[in-house]
Amino acid sequence: MARVCAITGKRPVKGSSIHRKGQSKKSGGIGTHVTTITPRKFRPNLQRIRIKLANGGTKRVLVSVKAIKAGLVEKA
């Protein structure tokens, strides 16, 4: 099961964790330097909830919390 919101289509996006070392120029140093860049994922906050369908039935789907708070989904 893919981690994708059934309502908004939110999905994990790629990013980087950037490690910097050294004292900033503002603090009297010679500046910070990038030492490592590690790949990471930003995952949406998905919850598995039961929603009401148009035909009156119910179904369990993954929905982002942002969609639930916005009222885009009616819980069953």
C-alpha atoms as a PDB file:
ATOM      1  CA  MET A   1       0.000   0.000   0.000  1.00  0.00           C
ATOM      2  CA  ALA A   2       1.507   3.285  -1.083  1.00  0.00           C
ATOM      3  CA  ARG A   3       1.635   6.072   1.508  1.00  0.00           C
ATOM      4  CA  VAL A   4      -0.541   8.458  -0.483  1.00  0.00           C
ATOM      5  CA  CYS A   5      -3.536  10.441   0.772  1.00  0.00           C
ATOM      6  CA  ALA A   6      -6.754   9.274  -0.901  1.00  0.00           C
ATOM      7  CA  ILE A   7      -8.232  12.807  -0.843  1.00  0.00           C
ATOM      8  CA  THR A   8      -5.412  15.313  -1.445  1.00  0.00           C
ATOM      9  CA  GLY A   9      -2.849  13.071  -3.157  1.00  0.00           C
ATOM     10  CA  LYS A  10      -0.091  13.998  -0.699  1.00  0.00           C
ATOM     11  CA  ARG A  11       2.833  11.592  -0.910  1.00  0.00           C
ATOM     12  CA  PRO A  12       6.392  11.346   0.474  1.00  0.00           C
ATOM     13  CA  VAL A  13       8.841  13.811  -1.091  1.00  0.00           C
ATOM     14  CA  LYS A  14      12.627  13.548  -1.246  1.00  0.00           C
ATOM     15  CA  GLY A  15      14.900  15.965   0.543  1.00  0.00           C
ATOM     16  CA  SER A  16      18.276  16.211   2.217  1.00  0.00           C
ATOM     17  CA  SER A  17      19.619  16.386   5.743  1.00  0.00           C
ATOM     18  CA  ILE A  18      22.525  18.856   5.550  1.00  0.00           C
ATOM     19  CA  HIS A  19      25.206  18.760   8.273  1.00  0.00           C
ATOM     20  CA  ARG A  20      27.235  21.900   8.793  1.00  0.00           C
ATOM     21  CA  LYS A  21      30.348  22.299  10.910  1.00  0.00           C
ATOM     22  CA  GLY A  22      32.233  25.338  12.129  1.00  0.00           C
ATOM     23  CA  GLN A  23      31.531  28.648  13.838  1.00  0.00           C
ATOM     24  CA  SER A  24      29.412  31.205  11.987  1.00  0.00           C
ATOM     25  CA  LYS A  25      30.984  34.461  10.809  1.00  0.00           C
ATOM     26  CA  LYS A  26      28.437  36.347  12.910  1.00  0.00           C
ATOM     27  CA  SER A  27      29.836  34.643  16.020  1.00  0.00           C
ATOM     28  CA  GLY A  28      33.454  35.441  15.118  1.00  0.00           C
ATOM     29  CA  GLY A  29      34.369  32.307  13.183  1.00  0.00           C
ATOM     30  CA  ILE A  30      35.441  31.789   9.586  1.00  0.00           C
ATOM     31  CA  GLY A  31      32.043  30.437   8.519  1.00  0.00           C
ATOM     32  CA  THR A  32      30.243  27.112   8.462  1.00  0.00           C
ATOM     33  CA  HIS A  33      31.015  24.378   5.948  1.00  0.00           C
ATOM     34  CA  VAL A  34      28.851  21.531   4.651  1.00  0.00           C
ATOM     35  CA  THR A  35      30.362  18.233   5.766  1.00  0.00           C
ATOM     36  CA  THR A  36      27.687  15.688   4.803  1.00  0.00           C
ATOM     37  CA  ILE A  37      24.468  15.599   2.805  1.00  0.00           C
ATOM     38  CA  THR A  38      22.262  12.604   3.579  1.00  0.00           C
ATOM     39  CA  PRO A  39      19.098  11.782   1.604  1.00  0.00           C
ATOM     40  CA  ARG A  40      15.840  11.633   3.567  1.00  0.00           C
ATOM     41  CA  LYS A  41      12.073  11.565   3.018  1.00  0.00           C
ATOM     42  CA  PHE A  42       9.409  13.964   4.221  1.00  0.00           C
ATOM     43  CA  ARG A  43       6.351  11.803   4.891  1.00  0.00           C
ATOM     44  CA  PRO A  44       2.807  13.161   5.172  1.00  0.00           C
ATOM     45  CA  ASN A  45       0.880  12.572   8.400  1.00  0.00           C
ATOM     46  CA  LEU A  46      -1.543   9.883   7.204  1.00  0.00           C
ATOM     47  CA  GLN A  47      -4.227   8.211   9.298  1.00  0.00           C
ATOM     48  CA  ARG A  48      -6.210   5.093   8.385  1.00  0.00           C
ATOM     49  CA  ILE A  49      -9.863   6.061   8.910  1.00  0.00           C
ATOM     50  CA  ARG A  50     -13.295   4.842   7.859  1.00  0.00           C
ATOM     51  CA  ILE A  51     -15.089   7.297   5.572  1.00  0.00           C
ATOM     52  CA  LYS A  52     -18.636   7.454   4.252  1.00  0.00           C
ATOM     53  CA  LEU A  53     -19.036   6.880   0.520  1.00  0.00           C
ATOM     54  CA  ALA A  54     -21.557   8.561  -1.774  1.00  0.00           C
ATOM     55  CA  ASN A  55     -23.594   5.340  -2.107  1.00  0.00           C
ATOM     56  CA  GLY A  56     -23.991   5.100   1.688  1.00  0.00           C
ATOM     57  CA  GLY A  57     -21.289   2.511   2.328  1.00  0.00           C
ATOM     58  CA  THR A  58     -18.072   2.827   4.297  1.00  0.00           C
ATOM     59  CA  LYS A  59     -14.452   2.262   3.351  1.00  0.00           C
ATOM     60  CA  ARG A  60     -11.103   2.380   5.138  1.00  0.00           C
ATOM     61  CA  VAL A  61      -8.593   4.685   3.456  1.00  0.00           C
ATOM     62  CA  LEU A  62      -5.402   6.578   4.245  1.00  0.00           C
ATOM     63  CA  VAL A  63      -6.157  10.285   4.666  1.00  0.00           C
ATOM     64  CA  SER A  64      -3.838  13.134   5.648  1.00  0.00           C
ATOM     65  CA  VAL A  65      -4.598  14.910   8.917  1.00  0.00           C
ATOM     66  CA  LYS A  66      -4.704  18.216   7.032  1.00  0.00           C
ATOM     67  CA  ALA A  67      -7.644  16.890   4.957  1.00  0.00           C
ATOM     68  CA  ILE A  68      -9.426  15.647   8.088  1.00  0.00           C
ATOM     69  CA  LYS A  69      -9.021  19.010   9.864  1.00  0.00           C
ATOM     70  CA  ALA A  70     -10.188  20.923   6.771  1.00  0.00           C
ATOM     71  CA  GLY A  71     -13.400  18.876   6.731  1.00  0.00           C
ATOM     72  CA  LEU A  72     -12.769  17.351   3.302  1.00  0.00           C
ATOM     73  CA  VAL A  73     -13.727  13.926   4.699  1.00  0.00           C
ATOM     74  CA  GLU A  74     -16.739  12.714   6.637  1.00  0.00           C
ATOM     75  CA  LYS A  75     -15.864  10.040   9.178  1.00  0.00           C
ATOM     76  CA  ALA A  76     -18.104   6.981   9.458  1.00  0.00           C
END
